Amino acid sequence: MKDLQFYAANLYSLDCERTAVLYQRLFSLSILSSSKNHAELRSSNGFSIFIDKPSIHCNVTPGTLSFCVSELNESSFDLDPLSLESFHEKEKYASFLDEYQNRIWIFEKKLTV
C-alpha cells in the first residue's frame, strides 16, 4: 500500500456531542458533524479527529488510528503482523488489530497531494 496516508485520530466516548464541544474548546477545532454517537472535528491545518460511541459496526476503542488509501482492495493488504478483523467492501473500509488489540482502520478515499 504505497499511497497510505494518515487520515485521523479516533477517540472513544459515550457522549460524542459533549466530547466534541470539549475538544473544540480545548484545541480550537472546527466541528464538522456531531451527534450522540459520532462527531468529526478538524484543525485549521486539516488534521481530523473522529469521536465515536462503540456500536456493532464501529468498534472504536482507545488506541485507534485511521489511514486512507486511494483504492482499497482486500487482496492488496500486506500488513503483517496485523490481523484483518473486518473488511467492508461496499463501504470501502477495513479494520485490523495488532497483538495488543490496537485498532487500525483503513478507508478508501480520494487522496489529495
PDB file of N, CA and C in Angstrom:
ATOM      1  N   MET A   1       0.839  -1.172   0.000  1.00  0.00           N
ATOM      2  CA  MET A   1       0.000   0.000   0.000  1.00  0.00           C
ATOM      3  C   MET A   1       0.886   1.237   0.000  1.00  0.00           C
ATOM      4  N   LYS A   2       1.413   1.547  -1.134  1.00  0.00           N
ATOM      5  CA  LYS A   2       2.386   2.630  -1.244  1.00  0.00           C
ATOM      6  C   LYS A   2       1.794   4.019  -1.029  1.00  0.00           C
ATOM      7  N   ASP A   3       0.474   4.195  -1.215  1.00  0.00           N
ATOM      8  CA  ASP A   3      -0.111   5.526  -1.070  1.00  0.00           C
ATOM      9  C   ASP A   3      -0.807   5.725   0.274  1.00  0.00           C
ATOM     10  N   LEU A   4      -0.429   4.940   1.288  1.00  0.00           N
ATOM     11  CA  LEU A   4      -1.001   5.063   2.614  1.00  0.00           C
ATOM     12  C   LEU A   4      -0.723   6.456   3.162  1.00  0.00           C
ATOM     13  N   GLN A   5      -1.758   7.086   3.702  1.00  0.00           N
ATOM     14  CA  GLN A   5      -1.642   8.445   4.209  1.00  0.00           C
ATOM     15  C   GLN A   5      -2.405   8.534   5.522  1.00  0.00           C
ATOM     16  N   PHE A   6      -1.818   9.172   6.533  1.00  0.00           N
ATOM     17  CA  PHE A   6      -2.507   9.332   7.802  1.00  0.00           C
ATOM     18  C   PHE A   6      -3.801  10.096   7.575  1.00  0.00           C
ATOM     19  N   TYR A   7      -4.894   9.641   8.197  1.00  0.00           N
ATOM     20  CA  TYR A   7      -6.210  10.221   7.948  1.00  0.00           C
ATOM     21  C   TYR A   7      -6.795  10.902   9.181  1.00  0.00           C
ATOM     22  N   ALA A   8      -6.825  10.237  10.325  1.00  0.00           N
ATOM     23  CA  ALA A   8      -7.439  10.822  11.512  1.00  0.00           C
ATOM     24  C   ALA A   8      -7.044  10.058  12.758  1.00  0.00           C
ATOM     25  N   ALA A   9      -7.211  10.704  13.898  1.00  0.00           N
ATOM     26  CA  ALA A   9      -7.112  10.033  15.188  1.00  0.00           C
ATOM     27  C   ALA A   9      -8.533   9.761  15.656  1.00  0.00           C
ATOM     28  N   ASN A  10      -8.729   8.668  16.358  1.00  0.00           N
ATOM     29  CA  ASN A  10     -10.062   8.289  16.824  1.00  0.00           C
ATOM     30  C   ASN A  10     -10.084   8.249  18.344  1.00  0.00           C
ATOM     31  N   LEU A  11     -11.165   8.753  18.909  1.00  0.00           N
ATOM     32  CA  LEU A  11     -11.346   8.765  20.348  1.00  0.00           C
ATOM     33  C   LEU A  11     -12.635   8.054  20.727  1.00  0.00           C
ATOM     34  N   TYR A  12     -12.634   7.476  21.900  1.00  0.00           N
ATOM     35  CA  TYR A  12     -13.785   6.764  22.452  1.00  0.00           C
ATOM     36  C   TYR A  12     -14.604   7.747  23.282  1.00  0.00           C
ATOM     37  N   SER A  13     -15.931   7.651  23.212  1.00  0.00           N
ATOM     38  CA  SER A  13     -16.802   8.471  24.045  1.00  0.00           C
ATOM     39  C   SER A  13     -18.167   7.818  24.166  1.00  0.00           C
ATOM     40  N   LEU A  14     -18.850   8.100  25.250  1.00  0.00           N
ATOM     41  CA  LEU A  14     -20.236   7.651  25.393  1.00  0.00           C
ATOM     42  C   LEU A  14     -21.208   8.780  25.072  1.00  0.00           C
ATOM     43  N   ASP A  15     -20.693  10.014  24.946  1.00  0.00           N
ATOM     44  CA  ASP A  15     -21.491  11.177  24.539  1.00  0.00           C
ATOM     45  C   ASP A  15     -20.634  12.021  23.600  1.00  0.00           C
ATOM     46  N   CYS A  16     -20.714  11.722  22.316  1.00  0.00           N
ATOM     47  CA  CYS A  16     -19.820  12.334  21.329  1.00  0.00           C
ATOM     48  C   CYS A  16     -20.048  13.835  21.176  1.00  0.00           C
ATOM     49  N   GLU A  17     -21.280  14.293  21.319  1.00  0.00           N
ATOM     50  CA  GLU A  17     -21.553  15.733  21.229  1.00  0.00           C
ATOM     51  C   GLU A  17     -20.814  16.495  22.330  1.00  0.00           C
ATOM     52  N   ARG A  18     -20.904  16.000  23.529  1.00  0.00           N
ATOM     53  CA  ARG A  18     -20.234  16.647  24.668  1.00  0.00           C
ATOM     54  C   ARG A  18     -18.714  16.609  24.505  1.00  0.00           C
ATOM     55  N   THR A  19     -18.200  15.481  24.080  1.00  0.00           N
ATOM     56  CA  THR A  19     -16.760  15.352  23.876  1.00  0.00           C
ATOM     57  C   THR A  19     -16.283  16.254  22.749  1.00  0.00           C
ATOM     58  N   ALA A  20     -17.071  16.381  21.677  1.00  0.00           N
ATOM     59  CA  ALA A  20     -16.705  17.260  20.558  1.00  0.00           C
ATOM     60  C   ALA A  20     -16.595  18.706  21.023  1.00  0.00           C
ATOM     61  N   VAL A  21     -17.539  19.147  21.833  1.00  0.00           N
ATOM     62  CA  VAL A  21     -17.503  20.524  22.352  1.00  0.00           C
ATOM     63  C   VAL A  21     -16.263  20.730  23.221  1.00  0.00           C
ATOM     64  N   LEU A  22     -15.931  19.733  24.037  1.00  0.00           N
ATOM     65  CA  LEU A  22     -14.736  19.825  24.875  1.00  0.00           C
ATOM     66  C   LEU A  22     -13.482  19.996  24.014  1.00  0.00           C
ATOM     67  N   TYR A  23     -13.313  19.148  23.005  1.00  0.00           N
ATOM     68  CA  TYR A  23     -12.120  19.222  22.153  1.00  0.00           C
ATOM     69  C   TYR A  23     -12.121  20.495  21.300  1.00  0.00           C
ATOM     70  N   GLN A  24     -13.291  20.948  20.898  1.00  0.00           N
ATOM     71  CA  GLN A  24     -13.375  22.208  20.158  1.00  0.00           C
ATOM     72  C   GLN A  24     -12.833  23.346  21.019  1.00  0.00           C
ATOM     73  N   ARG A  25     -13.262  23.386  22.261  1.00  0.00           N
ATOM     74  CA  ARG A  25     -12.799  24.449  23.164  1.00  0.00           C
ATOM     75  C   ARG A  25     -11.327  24.293  23.522  1.00  0.00           C
ATOM     76  N   LEU A  26     -10.892  23.077  23.800  1.00  0.00           N
ATOM     77  CA  LEU A  26      -9.509  22.861  24.216  1.00  0.00           C
ATOM     78  C   LEU A  26      -8.500  23.181  23.124  1.00  0.00           C
ATOM     79  N   PHE A  27      -8.830  22.807  21.876  1.00  0.00           N
ATOM     80  CA  PHE A  27      -7.838  22.878  20.803  1.00  0.00           C
ATOM     81  C   PHE A  27      -8.255  23.750  19.623  1.00  0.00           C
ATOM     82  N   SER A  28      -9.315  24.533  19.773  1.00  0.00           N
ATOM     83  CA  SER A  28      -9.802  25.432  18.706  1.00  0.00           C
ATOM     84  C   SER A  28     -10.075  24.673  17.408  1.00  0.00           C
ATOM     85  N   LEU A  29     -10.712  23.505  17.530  1.00  0.00           N
ATOM     86  CA  LEU A  29     -11.047  22.699  16.361  1.00  0.00           C
ATOM     87  C   LEU A  29     -12.438  23.073  15.863  1.00  0.00           C
ATOM     88  N   SER A  30     -12.661  22.853  14.582  1.00  0.00           N
ATOM     89  CA  SER A  30     -13.982  23.067  13.998  1.00  0.00           C
ATOM     90  C   SER A  30     -14.763  21.767  14.072  1.00  0.00           C
ATOM     91  N   ILE A  31     -16.020  21.851  14.491  1.00  0.00           N
ATOM     92  CA  ILE A  31     -16.888  20.671  14.500  1.00  0.00           C
ATOM     93  C   ILE A  31     -17.549  20.577  13.137  1.00  0.00           C
ATOM     94  N   LEU A  32     -17.241  19.512  12.391  1.00  0.00           N
ATOM     95  CA  LEU A  32     -17.816  19.291  11.064  1.00  0.00           C
ATOM     96  C   LEU A  32     -19.149  18.571  11.155  1.00  0.00           C
ATOM     97  N   SER A  33     -19.280  17.652  12.104  1.00  0.00           N
ATOM     98  CA  SER A  33     -20.540  16.958  12.353  1.00  0.00           C
ATOM     99  C   SER A  33     -20.528  16.488  13.795  1.00  0.00           C
ATOM    100  N   SER A  34     -21.737  16.370  14.353  1.00  0.00           N
ATOM    101  CA  SER A  34     -21.806  15.976  15.749  1.00  0.00           C
ATOM    102  C   SER A  34     -23.171  15.367  16.056  1.00  0.00           C
ATOM    103  N   SER A  35     -23.141  14.215  16.699  1.00  0.00           N
ATOM    104  CA  SER A  35     -24.345  13.568  17.198  1.00  0.00           C
ATOM    105  C   SER A  35     -23.955  12.822  18.468  1.00  0.00           C
ATOM    106  N   LYS A  36     -24.913  12.206  19.107  1.00  0.00           N
ATOM    107  CA  LYS A  36     -24.634  11.462  20.335  1.00  0.00           C
ATOM    108  C   LYS A  36     -23.667  10.294  20.078  1.00  0.00           C
ATOM    109  N   ASN A  37     -23.708   9.731  18.841  1.00  0.00           N
ATOM    110  CA  ASN A  37     -22.901   8.540  18.526  1.00  0.00           C
ATOM    111  C   ASN A  37     -21.632   8.809  17.737  1.00  0.00           C
ATOM    112  N   HIS A  38     -21.514   9.972  17.084  1.00  0.00           N
ATOM    113  CA  HIS A  38     -20.340  10.238  16.237  1.00  0.00           C
ATOM    114  C   HIS A  38     -20.139  11.743  16.093  1.00  0.00           C
ATOM    115  N   ALA A  39     -18.885  12.151  16.086  1.00  0.00           N
ATOM    116  CA  ALA A  39     -18.534  13.541  15.809  1.00  0.00           C
ATOM    117  C   ALA A  39     -17.243  13.558  15.014  1.00  0.00           C
ATOM    118  N   GLU A  40     -17.090  14.584  14.195  1.00  0.00           N
ATOM    119  CA  GLU A  40     -15.845  14.779  13.441  1.00  0.00           C
ATOM    120  C   GLU A  40     -15.405  16.220  13.618  1.00  0.00           C
ATOM    121  N   LEU A  41     -14.145  16.361  13.985  1.00  0.00           N
ATOM    122  CA  LEU A  41     -13.556  17.686  14.164  1.00  0.00           C
ATOM    123  C   LEU A  41     -12.357  17.816  13.251  1.00  0.00           C
ATOM    124  N   ARG A  42     -12.016  19.041  12.904  1.00  0.00           N
ATOM    125  CA  ARG A  42     -10.852  19.270  12.043  1.00  0.00           C
ATOM    126  C   ARG A  42     -10.101  20.504  12.519  1.00  0.00           C
ATOM    127  N   SER A  43      -8.785  20.403  12.447  1.00  0.00           N
ATOM    128  CA  SER A  43      -7.925  21.532  12.785  1.00  0.00           C
ATOM    129  C   SER A  43      -7.769  22.435  11.564  1.00  0.00           C
ATOM    130  N   SER A  44      -7.220  23.604  11.771  1.00  0.00           N
ATOM    131  CA  SER A  44      -7.025  24.539  10.661  1.00  0.00           C
ATOM    132  C   SER A  44      -6.051  24.008   9.617  1.00  0.00           C
ATOM    133  N   ASN A  45      -5.169  23.076  10.004  1.00  0.00           N
ATOM    134  CA  ASN A  45      -4.229  22.506   9.029  1.00  0.00           C
ATOM    135  C   ASN A  45      -4.702  21.173   8.461  1.00  0.00           C
ATOM    136  N   GLY A  46      -5.972  20.799   8.740  1.00  0.00           N
ATOM    137  CA  GLY A  46      -6.550  19.615   8.104  1.00  0.00           C
ATOM    138  C   GLY A  46      -6.492  18.328   8.902  1.00  0.00           C
ATOM    139  N   PHE A  47      -5.948  18.348  10.114  1.00  0.00           N
ATOM    140  CA  PHE A  47      -5.913  17.147  10.942  1.00  0.00           C
ATOM    141  C   PHE A  47      -7.314  16.853  11.457  1.00  0.00           C
ATOM    142  N   SER A  48      -7.768  15.623  11.350  1.00  0.00           N
ATOM    143  CA  SER A  48      -9.120  15.247  11.766  1.00  0.00           C
ATOM    144  C   SER A  48      -9.107  14.381  13.013  1.00  0.00           C
ATOM    145  N   ILE A  49     -10.146  14.537  13.816  1.00  0.00           N
ATOM    146  CA  ILE A  49     -10.388  13.673  14.961  1.00  0.00           C
ATOM    147  C   ILE A  49     -11.810  13.157  14.848  1.00  0.00           C
ATOM    148  N   PHE A  50     -11.970  11.847  14.926  1.00  0.00           N
ATOM    149  CA  PHE A  50     -13.286  11.225  14.975  1.00  0.00           C
ATOM    150  C   PHE A  50     -13.539  10.816  16.422  1.00  0.00           C
ATOM    151  N   ILE A  51     -14.729  11.081  16.889  1.00  0.00           N
ATOM    152  CA  ILE A  51     -15.124  10.669  18.226  1.00  0.00           C
ATOM    153  C   ILE A  51     -16.324   9.752  18.045  1.00  0.00           C
ATOM    154  N   ASP A  52     -16.232   8.536  18.579  1.00  0.00           N
ATOM    155  CA  ASP A  52     -17.285   7.558  18.357  1.00  0.00           C
ATOM    156  C   ASP A  52     -17.692   6.845  19.625  1.00  0.00           C
ATOM    157  N   LYS A  53     -18.975   6.555  19.684  1.00  0.00           N
ATOM    158  CA  LYS A  53     -19.517   5.662  20.696  1.00  0.00           C
ATOM    159  C   LYS A  53     -19.502   4.270  20.076  1.00  0.00           C
ATOM    160  N   PRO A  54     -18.929   3.290  20.746  1.00  0.00           N
ATOM    161  CA  PRO A  54     -18.855   1.952  20.160  1.00  0.00           C
ATOM    162  C   PRO A  54     -20.234   1.405  19.791  1.00  0.00           C
ATOM    163  N   SER A  55     -20.285   0.730  18.665  1.00  0.00           N
ATOM    164  CA  SER A  55     -21.507   0.071  18.212  1.00  0.00           C
ATOM    165  C   SER A  55     -21.100  -1.195  17.472  1.00  0.00           C
ATOM    166  N   ILE A  56     -22.073  -1.940  17.011  1.00  0.00           N
ATOM    167  CA  ILE A  56     -21.781  -3.193  16.320  1.00  0.00           C
ATOM    168  C   ILE A  56     -20.954  -2.970  15.046  1.00  0.00           C
ATOM    169  N   HIS A  57     -21.115  -1.835  14.376  1.00  0.00           N
ATOM    170  CA  HIS A  57     -20.380  -1.565  13.137  1.00  0.00           C
ATOM    171  C   HIS A  57     -19.232  -0.580  13.331  1.00  0.00           C
ATOM    172  N   CYS A  58     -19.065  -0.089  14.530  1.00  0.00           N
ATOM    173  CA  CYS A  58     -17.983   0.868  14.800  1.00  0.00           C
ATOM    174  C   CYS A  58     -17.283   0.435  16.079  1.00  0.00           C
ATOM    175  N   ASN A  59     -16.243  -0.350  15.920  1.00  0.00           N
ATOM    176  CA  ASN A  59     -15.537  -0.938  17.054  1.00  0.00           C
ATOM    177  C   ASN A  59     -14.422  -0.038  17.580  1.00  0.00           C
ATOM    178  N   VAL A  60     -14.705   1.255  17.653  1.00  0.00           N
ATOM    179  CA  VAL A  60     -13.680   2.183  18.107  1.00  0.00           C
ATOM    180  C   VAL A  60     -13.327   1.883  19.561  1.00  0.00           C
ATOM    181  N   THR A  61     -12.036   1.946  19.844  1.00  0.00           N
ATOM    182  CA  THR A  61     -11.512   1.740  21.182  1.00  0.00           C
ATOM    183  C   THR A  61     -10.365   2.709  21.388  1.00  0.00           C
ATOM    184  N   PRO A  62      -9.995   2.956  22.626  1.00  0.00           N
ATOM    185  CA  PRO A  62      -8.789   3.766  22.820  1.00  0.00           C
ATOM    186  C   PRO A  62      -7.608   3.127  22.097  1.00  0.00           C
ATOM    187  N   GLY A  63      -6.758   3.930  21.515  1.00  0.00           N
ATOM    188  CA  GLY A  63      -5.613   3.398  20.793  1.00  0.00           C
ATOM    189  C   GLY A  63      -5.935   3.041  19.360  1.00  0.00           C
ATOM    190  N   THR A  64      -6.724   3.856  18.699  1.00  0.00           N
ATOM    191  CA  THR A  64      -7.131   3.589  17.326  1.00  0.00           C
ATOM    192  C   THR A  64      -6.540   4.635  16.393  1.00  0.00           C
ATOM    193  N   LEU A  65      -6.042   4.186  15.248  1.00  0.00           N
ATOM    194  CA  LEU A  65      -5.548   5.079  14.206  1.00  0.00           C
ATOM    195  C   LEU A  65      -6.307   4.802  12.922  1.00  0.00           C
ATOM    196  N   SER A  66      -6.498   5.826  12.125  1.00  0.00           N
ATOM    197  CA  SER A  66      -7.155   5.659  10.827  1.00  0.00           C
ATOM    198  C   SER A  66      -6.260   6.200   9.725  1.00  0.00           C
ATOM    199  N   PHE A  67      -6.233   5.467   8.616  1.00  0.00           N
ATOM    200  CA  PHE A  67      -5.474   5.868   7.447  1.00  0.00           C
ATOM    201  C   PHE A  67      -6.390   5.776   6.239  1.00  0.00           C
ATOM    202  N   CYS A  68      -6.014   6.458   5.172  1.00  0.00           N
ATOM    203  CA  CYS A  68      -6.784   6.326   3.946  1.00  0.00           C
ATOM    204  C   CYS A  68      -5.852   5.962   2.802  1.00  0.00           C
ATOM    205  N   VAL A  69      -6.416   5.312   1.819  1.00  0.00           N
ATOM    206  CA  VAL A  69      -5.715   4.941   0.593  1.00  0.00           C
ATOM    207  C   VAL A  69      -6.620   5.295  -0.575  1.00  0.00           C
ATOM    208  N   SER A  70      -6.030   5.474  -1.743  1.00  0.00           N
ATOM    209  CA  SER A  70      -6.838   5.857  -2.900  1.00  0.00           C
ATOM    210  C   SER A  70      -7.693   4.708  -3.420  1.00  0.00           C
ATOM    211  N   GLU A  71      -7.238   3.455  -3.213  1.00  0.00           N
ATOM    212  CA  GLU A  71      -8.015   2.303  -3.651  1.00  0.00           C
ATOM    213  C   GLU A  71      -7.864   1.187  -2.637  1.00  0.00           C
ATOM    214  N   LEU A  72      -8.991   0.767  -2.074  1.00  0.00           N
ATOM    215  CA  LEU A  72      -8.982  -0.285  -1.074  1.00  0.00           C
ATOM    216  C   LEU A  72      -9.348  -1.603  -1.737  1.00  0.00           C
ATOM    217  N   ASN A  73      -8.401  -2.550  -1.690  1.00  0.00           N
ATOM    218  CA  ASN A  73      -8.587  -3.847  -2.319  1.00  0.00           C
ATOM    219  C   ASN A  73      -8.086  -4.898  -1.338  1.00  0.00           C
ATOM    220  N   GLU A  74      -8.967  -5.792  -0.932  1.00  0.00           N
ATOM    221  CA  GLU A  74      -8.610  -6.786   0.086  1.00  0.00           C
ATOM    222  C   GLU A  74      -7.367  -7.584  -0.297  1.00  0.00           C
ATOM    223  N   SER A  75      -7.177  -7.852  -1.568  1.00  0.00           N
ATOM    224  CA  SER A  75      -6.016  -8.636  -1.989  1.00  0.00           C
ATOM    225  C   SER A  75      -4.707  -7.853  -1.879  1.00  0.00           C
ATOM    226  N   SER A  76      -4.784  -6.530  -1.709  1.00  0.00           N
ATOM    227  CA  SER A  76      -3.562  -5.725  -1.617  1.00  0.00           C
ATOM    228  C   SER A  76      -3.077  -5.546  -0.181  1.00  0.00           C
ATOM    229  N   PHE A  77      -3.826  -6.049   0.807  1.00  0.00           N
ATOM    230  CA  PHE A  77      -3.418  -5.888   2.197  1.00  0.00           C
ATOM    231  C   PHE A  77      -2.148  -6.678   2.472  1.00  0.00           C
ATOM    232  N   ASP A  78      -1.129  -5.994   2.933  1.00  0.00           N
ATOM    233  CA  ASP A  78       0.113  -6.635   3.342  1.00  0.00           C
ATOM    234  C   ASP A  78       0.541  -5.952   4.633  1.00  0.00           C
ATOM    235  N   LEU A  79      -0.192  -6.216   5.711  1.00  0.00           N
ATOM    236  CA  LEU A  79       0.047  -5.532   6.970  1.00  0.00           C
ATOM    237  C   LEU A  79       0.470  -6.495   8.070  1.00  0.00           C
ATOM    238  N   ASP A  80       1.196  -7.531   7.695  1.00  0.00           N
ATOM    239  CA  ASP A  80       1.709  -8.495   8.653  1.00  0.00           C
ATOM    240  C   ASP A  80       2.580  -7.763   9.667  1.00  0.00           C
ATOM    241  N   PRO A  81       2.437  -7.925  10.933  1.00  0.00           N
ATOM    242  CA  PRO A  81       1.713  -8.959  11.657  1.00  0.00           C
ATOM    243  C   PRO A  81       0.302  -8.562  12.099  1.00  0.00           C
ATOM    244  N   LEU A  82      -0.277  -7.519  11.537  1.00  0.00           N
ATOM    245  CA  LEU A  82      -1.650  -7.164  11.886  1.00  0.00           C
ATOM    246  C   LEU A  82      -2.608  -8.224  11.359  1.00  0.00           C
ATOM    247  N   SER A  83      -3.687  -8.445  12.099  1.00  0.00           N
ATOM    248  CA  SER A  83      -4.695  -9.389  11.624  1.00  0.00           C
ATOM    249  C   SER A  83      -5.924  -8.614  11.165  1.00  0.00           C
ATOM    250  N   LEU A  84      -6.446  -9.024  10.024  1.00  0.00           N
ATOM    251  CA  LEU A  84      -7.649  -8.405   9.484  1.00  0.00           C
ATOM    252  C   LEU A  84      -8.828  -8.814  10.355  1.00  0.00           C
ATOM    253  N   GLU A  85      -9.502  -7.833  10.949  1.00  0.00           N
ATOM    254  CA  GLU A  85     -10.675  -8.126  11.767  1.00  0.00           C
ATOM    255  C   GLU A  85     -11.941  -8.089  10.922  1.00  0.00           C
ATOM    256  N   SER A  86     -12.064  -7.073  10.070  1.00  0.00           N
ATOM    257  CA  SER A  86     -13.251  -6.980   9.218  1.00  0.00           C
ATOM    258  C   SER A  86     -12.923  -6.176   7.963  1.00  0.00           C
ATOM    259  N   PHE A  87     -13.618  -6.529   6.896  1.00  0.00           N
ATOM    260  CA  PHE A  87     -13.466  -5.828   5.622  1.00  0.00           C
ATOM    261  C   PHE A  87     -14.864  -5.587   5.082  1.00  0.00           C
ATOM    262  N   HIS A  88     -15.178  -4.357   4.785  1.00  0.00           N
ATOM    263  CA  HIS A  88     -16.496  -3.986   4.286  1.00  0.00           C
ATOM    264  C   HIS A  88     -16.328  -3.437   2.875  1.00  0.00           C
ATOM    265  N   GLU A  89     -16.489  -4.341   1.900  1.00  0.00           N
ATOM    266  CA  GLU A  89     -16.234  -3.987   0.506  1.00  0.00           C
ATOM    267  C   GLU A  89     -17.151  -2.870   0.016  1.00  0.00           C
ATOM    268  N   LYS A  90     -18.433  -2.943   0.346  1.00  0.00           N
ATOM    269  CA  LYS A  90     -19.391  -1.940  -0.129  1.00  0.00           C
ATOM    270  C   LYS A  90     -19.074  -0.547   0.435  1.00  0.00           C
ATOM    271  N   GLU A  91     -18.778  -0.475   1.738  1.00  0.00           N
ATOM    272  CA  GLU A  91     -18.493   0.815   2.374  1.00  0.00           C
ATOM    273  C   GLU A  91     -17.033   1.240   2.219  1.00  0.00           C
ATOM    274  N   LYS A  92     -16.193   0.353   1.733  1.00  0.00           N
ATOM    275  CA  LYS A  92     -14.778   0.631   1.456  1.00  0.00           C
ATOM    276  C   LYS A  92     -13.964   0.989   2.704  1.00  0.00           C
ATOM    277  N   TYR A  93     -14.017   0.097   3.708  1.00  0.00           N
ATOM    278  CA  TYR A  93     -13.135   0.255   4.848  1.00  0.00           C
ATOM    279  C   TYR A  93     -12.826  -1.108   5.450  1.00  0.00           C
ATOM    280  N   ALA A  94     -11.722  -1.151   6.192  1.00  0.00           N
ATOM    281  CA  ALA A  94     -11.278  -2.387   6.829  1.00  0.00           C
ATOM    282  C   ALA A  94     -10.729  -2.064   8.208  1.00  0.00           C
ATOM    283  N   SER A  95     -10.787  -3.062   9.079  1.00  0.00           N
ATOM    284  CA  SER A  95     -10.290  -2.926  10.441  1.00  0.00           C
ATOM    285  C   SER A  95      -9.259  -4.011  10.699  1.00  0.00           C
ATOM    286  N   PHE A  96      -8.134  -3.609  11.285  1.00  0.00           N
ATOM    287  CA  PHE A  96      -7.051  -4.530  11.631  1.00  0.00           C
ATOM    288  C   PHE A  96      -6.729  -4.403  13.113  1.00  0.00           C
ATOM    289  N   LEU A  97      -6.195  -5.460  13.691  1.00  0.00           N
ATOM    290  CA  LEU A  97      -5.759  -5.440  15.085  1.00  0.00           C
ATOM    291  C   LEU A  97      -4.307  -5.880  15.166  1.00  0.00           C
ATOM    292  N   ASP A  98      -3.557  -5.227  16.075  1.00  0.00           N
ATOM    293  CA  ASP A  98      -2.208  -5.718  16.328  1.00  0.00           C
ATOM    294  C   ASP A  98      -2.268  -6.682  17.515  1.00  0.00           C
ATOM    295  N   GLU A  99      -1.133  -7.182  17.934  1.00  0.00           N
ATOM    296  CA  GLU A  99      -1.123  -8.194  19.000  1.00  0.00           C
ATOM    297  C   GLU A  99      -1.623  -7.669  20.340  1.00  0.00           C
ATOM    298  N   TYR A 100      -1.674  -6.355  20.503  1.00  0.00           N
ATOM    299  CA  TYR A 100      -2.165  -5.755  21.744  1.00  0.00           C
ATOM    300  C   TYR A 100      -3.594  -5.234  21.615  1.00  0.00           C
ATOM    301  N   GLN A 101      -4.257  -5.574  20.511  1.00  0.00           N
ATOM    302  CA  GLN A 101      -5.631  -5.164  20.230  1.00  0.00           C
ATOM    303  C   GLN A 101      -5.767  -3.684  19.884  1.00  0.00           C
ATOM    304  N   ASN A 102      -4.681  -3.017  19.522  1.00  0.00           N
ATOM    305  CA  ASN A 102      -4.774  -1.673  18.960  1.00  0.00           C
ATOM    306  C   ASN A 102      -5.400  -1.803  17.587  1.00  0.00           C
ATOM    307  N   ARG A 103      -6.289  -0.903  17.275  1.00  0.00           N
ATOM    308  CA  ARG A 103      -7.042  -0.990  16.028  1.00  0.00           C
ATOM    309  C   ARG A 103      -6.497  -0.008  14.992  1.00  0.00           C
ATOM    310  N   ILE A 104      -6.431  -0.461  13.748  1.00  0.00           N
ATOM    311  CA  ILE A 104      -6.063   0.362  12.594  1.00  0.00           C
ATOM    312  C   ILE A 104      -7.217   0.287  11.603  1.00  0.00           C
ATOM    313  N   TRP A 105      -7.818   1.422  11.290  1.00  0.00           N
ATOM    314  CA  TRP A 105      -8.853   1.495  10.254  1.00  0.00           C
ATOM    315  C   TRP A 105      -8.196   1.985   8.976  1.00  0.00           C
ATOM    316  N   ILE A 106      -8.578   1.403   7.860  1.00  0.00           N
ATOM    317  CA  ILE A 106      -8.126   1.873   6.554  1.00  0.00           C
ATOM    318  C   ILE A 106      -9.363   2.108   5.697  1.00  0.00           C
ATOM    319  N   PHE A 107      -9.475   3.324   5.190  1.00  0.00           N
ATOM    320  CA  PHE A 107     -10.615   3.758   4.396  1.00  0.00           C
ATOM    321  C   PHE A 107     -10.180   4.037   2.962  1.00  0.00           C
ATOM    322  N   GLU A 108     -11.068   3.803   2.032  1.00  0.00           N
ATOM    323  CA  GLU A 108     -10.816   4.256   0.671  1.00  0.00           C
ATOM    324  C   GLU A 108     -11.301   5.695   0.564  1.00  0.00           C
ATOM    325  N   LYS A 109     -10.422   6.569   0.112  1.00  0.00           N
ATOM    326  CA  LYS A 109     -10.753   7.985  -0.004  1.00  0.00           C
ATOM    327  C   LYS A 109      -9.838   8.594  -1.055  1.00  0.00           C
ATOM    328  N   LYS A 110     -10.398   9.450  -1.869  1.00  0.00           N
ATOM    329  CA  LYS A 110      -9.581  10.132  -2.874  1.00  0.00           C
ATOM    330  C   LYS A 110      -8.524  10.949  -2.161  1.00  0.00           C
ATOM    331  N   LEU A 111      -7.271  10.705  -2.478  1.00  0.00           N
ATOM    332  CA  LEU A 111      -6.163  11.377  -1.810  1.00  0.00           C
ATOM    333  C   LEU A 111      -5.811  12.669  -2.529  1.00  0.00           C
ATOM    334  N   THR A 112      -5.476  13.674  -1.740  1.00  0.00           N
ATOM    335  CA  THR A 112      -5.029  14.936  -2.305  1.00  0.00           C
ATOM    336  C   THR A 112      -3.531  15.055  -2.088  1.00  0.00           C
ATOM    337  N   VAL A 113      -2.855  15.563  -3.055  1.00  0.00           N
ATOM    338  CA  VAL A 113      -1.391  15.668  -2.964  1.00  0.00           C
ATOM    339  C   VAL A 113      -0.994  17.092  -2.685  1.00  0.00           C
TER     340      VAL A 113
END
